[in-house]
Amino acid sequence: MKNILAIGLVSIGLVGLVGCDVKKTQEGNVTLPKYEVEKTQSGDVTLPKYDVKTPDVNVTTEKKVIEVPKVEVTPAK
């Protein structure tokens, strides 16, 4: 059940990103601390920044009259 939920969420995320224009504006930097018995270096994390421009979507509605044919059914004998 968890796998199906995870796959569904990833699929929804991918569908949302298909129409986006993504531009990376800053590089990321990750320096992890090194440990022995004592800490020799402290960690530093800089995450990358992105500018995301989504497409413009205009949704409109219009009323239409649709003629539905009449169907006559005669029961079998």
N, C-alpha and C. Protein backbone atom coordinates (compact mmCIF):
# COMPACT_ATOMS: atom_id res chain seq x y z
N MET A 1 0.82 -1.20 0.00
CA MET A 1 0.00 0.00 0.00
C MET A 1 0.87 1.27 0.00
N LYS A 2 1.96 1.23 0.78
CA LYS A 2 2.84 2.40 0.84
C LYS A 2 3.52 2.63 -0.50
N ASN A 3 3.87 1.54 -1.19
CA ASN A 3 4.52 1.69 -2.50
C ASN A 3 3.58 2.33 -3.51
N ILE A 4 2.33 1.93 -3.49
CA ILE A 4 1.35 2.49 -4.42
C ILE A 4 1.17 3.98 -4.13
N LEU A 5 1.09 4.33 -2.86
CA LEU A 5 0.93 5.74 -2.48
C LEU A 5 2.16 6.55 -2.90
N ALA A 6 3.35 6.01 -2.69
CA ALA A 6 4.57 6.71 -3.08
C ALA A 6 4.64 6.90 -4.59
N ILE A 7 4.30 5.86 -5.34
CA ILE A 7 4.31 5.95 -6.80
C ILE A 7 3.29 6.98 -7.27
N GLY A 8 2.14 7.01 -6.66
CA GLY A 8 1.11 7.99 -7.02
C GLY A 8 1.56 9.41 -6.77
N LEU A 9 2.19 9.65 -5.62
CA LEU A 9 2.65 11.00 -5.31
C LEU A 9 3.76 11.44 -6.24
N VAL A 10 4.67 10.54 -6.57
CA VAL A 10 5.75 10.88 -7.51
C VAL A 10 5.17 11.17 -8.88
N SER A 11 4.18 10.39 -9.31
CA SER A 11 3.57 10.61 -10.62
C SER A 11 2.88 11.96 -10.68
N ILE A 12 2.17 12.32 -9.63
CA ILE A 12 1.50 13.62 -9.59
C ILE A 12 2.53 14.76 -9.64
N GLY A 13 3.64 14.59 -8.93
CA GLY A 13 4.68 15.61 -8.95
C GLY A 13 5.32 15.75 -10.32
N LEU A 14 5.54 14.63 -11.01
CA LEU A 14 6.12 14.69 -12.35
C LEU A 14 5.17 15.34 -13.34
N VAL A 15 3.88 15.05 -13.23
CA VAL A 15 2.91 15.66 -14.13
C VAL A 15 2.89 17.17 -13.91
N GLY A 16 3.01 17.61 -12.67
CA GLY A 16 3.03 19.04 -12.38
C GLY A 16 4.26 19.74 -12.93
N LEU A 17 5.38 19.05 -13.01
CA LEU A 17 6.61 19.68 -13.49
C LEU A 17 6.76 19.66 -15.01
N VAL A 18 5.93 18.91 -15.70
CA VAL A 18 6.07 18.80 -17.15
C VAL A 18 5.87 20.15 -17.82
N GLY A 19 4.94 20.96 -17.36
CA GLY A 19 4.65 22.24 -17.99
C GLY A 19 5.42 23.40 -17.42
N CYS A 20 6.39 23.17 -16.55
CA CYS A 20 7.12 24.25 -15.89
C CYS A 20 8.46 24.52 -16.58
N ASP A 21 8.89 25.76 -16.51
CA ASP A 21 10.20 26.17 -16.98
C ASP A 21 11.06 26.41 -15.74
N VAL A 22 12.06 25.55 -15.51
CA VAL A 22 12.88 25.62 -14.30
C VAL A 22 14.27 26.10 -14.68
N LYS A 23 14.74 27.14 -13.98
CA LYS A 23 16.07 27.69 -14.22
C LYS A 23 16.83 27.70 -12.90
N LYS A 24 17.99 27.05 -12.88
CA LYS A 24 18.82 27.03 -11.68
C LYS A 24 19.52 28.37 -11.55
N THR A 25 19.38 29.01 -10.38
CA THR A 25 19.95 30.35 -10.19
C THR A 25 21.16 30.35 -9.27
N GLN A 26 21.40 29.25 -8.53
CA GLN A 26 22.54 29.21 -7.63
C GLN A 26 22.95 27.75 -7.45
N GLU A 27 24.25 27.49 -7.44
CA GLU A 27 24.76 26.15 -7.22
C GLU A 27 24.63 25.78 -5.74
N GLY A 28 24.51 24.51 -5.46
CA GLY A 28 24.44 24.04 -4.08
C GLY A 28 25.81 23.62 -3.59
N ASN A 29 25.98 23.64 -2.26
CA ASN A 29 27.25 23.26 -1.66
C ASN A 29 26.95 22.49 -0.38
N VAL A 30 27.49 21.27 -0.29
CA VAL A 30 27.30 20.47 0.92
C VAL A 30 28.67 19.99 1.37
N THR A 31 29.07 20.42 2.55
CA THR A 31 30.29 19.94 3.17
C THR A 31 29.87 19.21 4.44
N LEU A 32 30.05 17.89 4.43
CA LEU A 32 29.64 17.10 5.59
C LEU A 32 30.75 17.05 6.62
N PRO A 33 30.38 17.01 7.88
CA PRO A 33 31.42 16.91 8.92
C PRO A 33 32.09 15.53 8.89
N LYS A 34 33.40 15.50 9.20
CA LYS A 34 34.14 14.26 9.29
C LYS A 34 34.31 13.92 10.77
N TYR A 35 34.02 12.68 11.11
CA TYR A 35 34.09 12.25 12.50
C TYR A 35 35.10 11.13 12.66
N GLU A 36 35.89 11.24 13.68
CA GLU A 36 36.71 10.15 14.16
C GLU A 36 36.25 9.96 15.60
N VAL A 37 37.15 10.04 16.52
CA VAL A 37 36.76 10.05 17.92
C VAL A 37 36.28 11.44 18.28
N GLU A 38 36.90 12.45 17.66
CA GLU A 38 36.53 13.83 17.88
C GLU A 38 36.13 14.46 16.55
N LYS A 39 35.33 15.48 16.61
CA LYS A 39 34.91 16.19 15.41
C LYS A 39 36.08 17.03 14.89
N THR A 40 36.44 16.82 13.59
CA THR A 40 37.58 17.54 13.03
C THR A 40 37.17 18.69 12.12
N GLN A 41 35.93 18.66 11.64
CA GLN A 41 35.47 19.71 10.72
C GLN A 41 33.98 19.89 10.90
N SER A 42 33.51 21.14 10.93
CA SER A 42 32.07 21.38 11.05
C SER A 42 31.44 21.38 9.67
N GLY A 43 30.17 21.07 9.61
CA GLY A 43 29.47 20.97 8.34
C GLY A 43 28.93 22.30 7.85
N ASP A 44 28.81 22.43 6.53
CA ASP A 44 28.26 23.64 5.91
C ASP A 44 27.36 23.19 4.77
N VAL A 45 26.14 23.67 4.74
CA VAL A 45 25.18 23.28 3.71
C VAL A 45 24.61 24.53 3.06
N THR A 46 24.74 24.63 1.73
CA THR A 46 24.10 25.68 0.96
C THR A 46 23.26 24.99 -0.12
N LEU A 47 21.97 25.15 -0.06
CA LEU A 47 21.08 24.50 -1.02
C LEU A 47 20.97 25.33 -2.30
N PRO A 48 20.77 24.68 -3.44
CA PRO A 48 20.62 25.43 -4.69
C PRO A 48 19.30 26.18 -4.72
N LYS A 49 19.25 27.28 -5.45
CA LYS A 49 18.02 28.06 -5.63
C LYS A 49 17.54 27.89 -7.06
N TYR A 50 16.23 27.90 -7.23
CA TYR A 50 15.63 27.73 -8.55
C TYR A 50 14.55 28.78 -8.77
N ASP A 51 14.44 29.28 -10.01
CA ASP A 51 13.31 30.11 -10.42
C ASP A 51 12.41 29.22 -11.26
N VAL A 52 11.15 29.08 -10.87
CA VAL A 52 10.22 28.23 -11.59
C VAL A 52 9.11 29.10 -12.16
N LYS A 53 8.93 29.02 -13.48
CA LYS A 53 7.85 29.75 -14.14
C LYS A 53 6.86 28.73 -14.68
N THR A 54 5.67 28.76 -14.14
CA THR A 54 4.64 27.82 -14.58
C THR A 54 3.91 28.41 -15.79
N PRO A 55 3.35 27.55 -16.62
CA PRO A 55 2.63 28.06 -17.79
C PRO A 55 1.32 28.74 -17.38
N ASP A 56 0.88 29.70 -18.19
CA ASP A 56 -0.40 30.35 -17.95
C ASP A 56 -1.50 29.43 -18.47
N VAL A 57 -2.50 29.20 -17.65
CA VAL A 57 -3.61 28.33 -18.02
C VAL A 57 -4.90 29.13 -17.92
N ASN A 58 -5.62 29.24 -19.02
CA ASN A 58 -6.90 29.92 -19.03
C ASN A 58 -8.00 28.89 -19.21
N VAL A 59 -8.91 28.83 -18.26
CA VAL A 59 -10.00 27.88 -18.30
C VAL A 59 -11.29 28.65 -18.51
N THR A 60 -12.03 28.29 -19.54
CA THR A 60 -13.31 28.95 -19.81
C THR A 60 -14.39 27.89 -19.93
N THR A 61 -15.63 28.34 -19.79
CA THR A 61 -16.78 27.45 -19.97
C THR A 61 -17.73 28.09 -20.95
N GLU A 62 -18.49 27.27 -21.62
CA GLU A 62 -19.53 27.78 -22.50
C GLU A 62 -20.71 26.82 -22.43
N LYS A 63 -21.90 27.37 -22.59
CA LYS A 63 -23.12 26.56 -22.54
C LYS A 63 -23.45 26.08 -23.94
N LYS A 64 -23.82 24.80 -24.05
CA LYS A 64 -24.23 24.24 -25.32
C LYS A 64 -25.48 23.40 -25.10
N VAL A 65 -26.31 23.38 -26.11
CA VAL A 65 -27.52 22.54 -26.07
C VAL A 65 -27.24 21.32 -26.93
N ILE A 66 -27.39 20.16 -26.33
CA ILE A 66 -27.13 18.91 -27.04
C ILE A 66 -28.44 18.15 -27.14
N GLU A 67 -28.78 17.78 -28.37
CA GLU A 67 -30.00 17.01 -28.59
C GLU A 67 -29.70 15.53 -28.37
N VAL A 68 -30.46 14.94 -27.46
CA VAL A 68 -30.29 13.52 -27.15
C VAL A 68 -31.39 12.75 -27.86
N PRO A 69 -31.04 11.73 -28.64
CA PRO A 69 -32.08 10.99 -29.36
C PRO A 69 -32.95 10.20 -28.39
N LYS A 70 -34.23 10.05 -28.77
CA LYS A 70 -35.14 9.25 -27.95
C LYS A 70 -34.93 7.78 -28.29
N VAL A 71 -34.91 6.97 -27.29
CA VAL A 71 -34.74 5.53 -27.48
C VAL A 71 -35.97 4.85 -26.92
N GLU A 72 -36.61 4.04 -27.78
CA GLU A 72 -37.78 3.28 -27.31
C GLU A 72 -37.36 1.84 -27.16
N VAL A 73 -37.70 1.29 -26.02
CA VAL A 73 -37.33 -0.08 -25.72
C VAL A 73 -38.62 -0.89 -25.54
N THR A 74 -38.67 -1.98 -26.27
CA THR A 74 -39.82 -2.90 -26.08
C THR A 74 -39.29 -4.15 -25.40
N PRO A 75 -39.93 -4.54 -24.31
CA PRO A 75 -39.45 -5.70 -23.58
C PRO A 75 -39.61 -6.99 -24.40
N ALA A 76 -38.70 -7.92 -24.18
CA ALA A 76 -38.77 -9.22 -24.88
C ALA A 76 -39.93 -10.03 -24.33
N LYS A 77 -40.53 -10.85 -25.20
CA LYS A 77 -41.68 -11.67 -24.76
C LYS A 77 -41.24 -13.05 -24.35
